[in-house]
Amino acid sequence: MSEVSRAVSKLSQIVSNLEGSVDHLEISLAGEQRDMFAAPPANSNAVRLDKASVTKKLNLAIAKIEEILEEGEQAHG
């Protein structure tokens, strides 16, 4: 397996893990009334994810990978 294939496979696993984590977080918070303006407790280890921001960054990373792969195909094809 090439380095690129391994990197893409690893990225895919990371995205799957992230999706699972977000789903788990949403399920655990289901039914709670959330105060969007309240500060988290001082001892909180909670991680706040901005889905739109994460999605945008992943889309940019995927686009960059596709661009690199296309350049590689053109150089070797």
Protein backbone atom coordinates (compact mmCIF):
# COMPACT_ATOMS: atom_id res chain seq x y z
CA MET A 1 0.00 0.00 0.00
CA SER A 2 1.39 3.39 -0.93
CA GLU A 3 1.97 6.17 1.57
CA VAL A 4 -0.92 8.14 0.07
CA SER A 5 -3.28 5.17 0.40
CA ARG A 6 -2.26 4.70 4.03
CA ALA A 7 -2.73 8.39 4.75
CA VAL A 8 -6.18 8.42 3.13
CA SER A 9 -7.14 5.26 5.02
CA LYS A 10 -5.98 6.81 8.30
CA LEU A 11 -7.91 10.01 7.54
CA SER A 12 -11.01 7.95 6.83
CA GLN A 13 -10.68 6.18 10.19
CA ILE A 14 -10.21 9.48 12.00
CA VAL A 15 -13.30 10.97 10.33
CA SER A 16 -15.32 7.87 11.27
CA ASN A 17 -14.14 8.17 14.88
CA LEU A 18 -15.01 11.87 14.92
CA GLU A 19 -18.48 11.17 13.53
CA GLY A 20 -19.02 8.51 16.19
CA SER A 21 -17.86 10.86 18.93
CA VAL A 22 -20.18 13.63 17.76
CA ASP A 23 -23.10 11.20 17.54
CA HIS A 24 -22.34 9.91 21.04
CA LEU A 25 -22.10 13.46 22.40
CA GLU A 26 -25.42 14.41 20.80
CA ILE A 27 -27.12 11.32 22.23
CA SER A 28 -25.71 11.99 25.70
CA LEU A 29 -26.97 15.59 25.59
CA ALA A 30 -30.38 14.74 24.09
CA GLY A 31 -33.25 16.16 26.04
CA GLU A 32 -31.10 18.59 27.99
CA GLN A 33 -31.92 22.23 27.84
CA ARG A 34 -28.72 23.92 26.78
CA ASP A 35 -27.85 27.48 27.60
CA MET A 36 -25.79 28.69 24.66
CA PHE A 37 -24.55 31.73 26.57
CA ALA A 38 -23.51 30.08 29.80
CA ALA A 39 -19.84 29.47 30.49
CA PRO A 40 -18.89 25.83 31.04
CA PRO A 41 -18.13 24.85 34.62
CA ALA A 42 -14.54 25.55 35.65
CA ASN A 43 -13.76 21.86 36.11
CA SER A 44 -15.50 20.81 32.88
CA ASN A 45 -13.58 18.71 30.40
CA ALA A 46 -16.39 18.99 27.88
CA VAL A 47 -15.36 19.62 24.31
CA ARG A 48 -17.54 21.88 22.22
CA LEU A 49 -17.51 21.10 18.52
CA ASP A 50 -18.70 23.52 15.89
CA LYS A 51 -20.04 21.13 13.26
CA ALA A 52 -19.96 23.71 10.50
CA SER A 53 -16.34 24.57 11.22
CA VAL A 54 -15.27 20.93 11.42
CA THR A 55 -17.13 20.14 8.20
CA LYS A 56 -15.53 23.07 6.40
CA LYS A 57 -12.03 22.07 7.52
CA LEU A 58 -12.58 18.43 6.52
CA ASN A 59 -13.91 19.48 3.12
CA LEU A 60 -10.85 21.68 2.58
CA ALA A 61 -8.55 18.81 3.58
CA ILE A 62 -10.34 16.40 1.23
CA ALA A 63 -10.16 18.92 -1.63
CA LYS A 64 -6.42 19.35 -1.03
CA ILE A 65 -5.90 15.57 -1.02
CA GLU A 66 -7.85 15.24 -4.27
CA GLU A 67 -5.75 18.01 -5.80
CA ILE A 68 -2.52 16.28 -4.77
CA LEU A 69 -3.75 12.95 -6.13
CA GLU A 70 -4.69 14.56 -9.46
CA GLU A 71 -1.24 16.17 -9.71
CA GLY A 72 0.35 12.79 -9.02
CA GLU A 73 -1.74 11.10 -11.70
CA GLN A 74 -0.81 13.77 -14.23
CA ALA A 75 2.87 13.45 -13.38
CA HIS A 76 2.82 9.65 -13.70
CA GLY A 77 0.10 9.29 -16.33
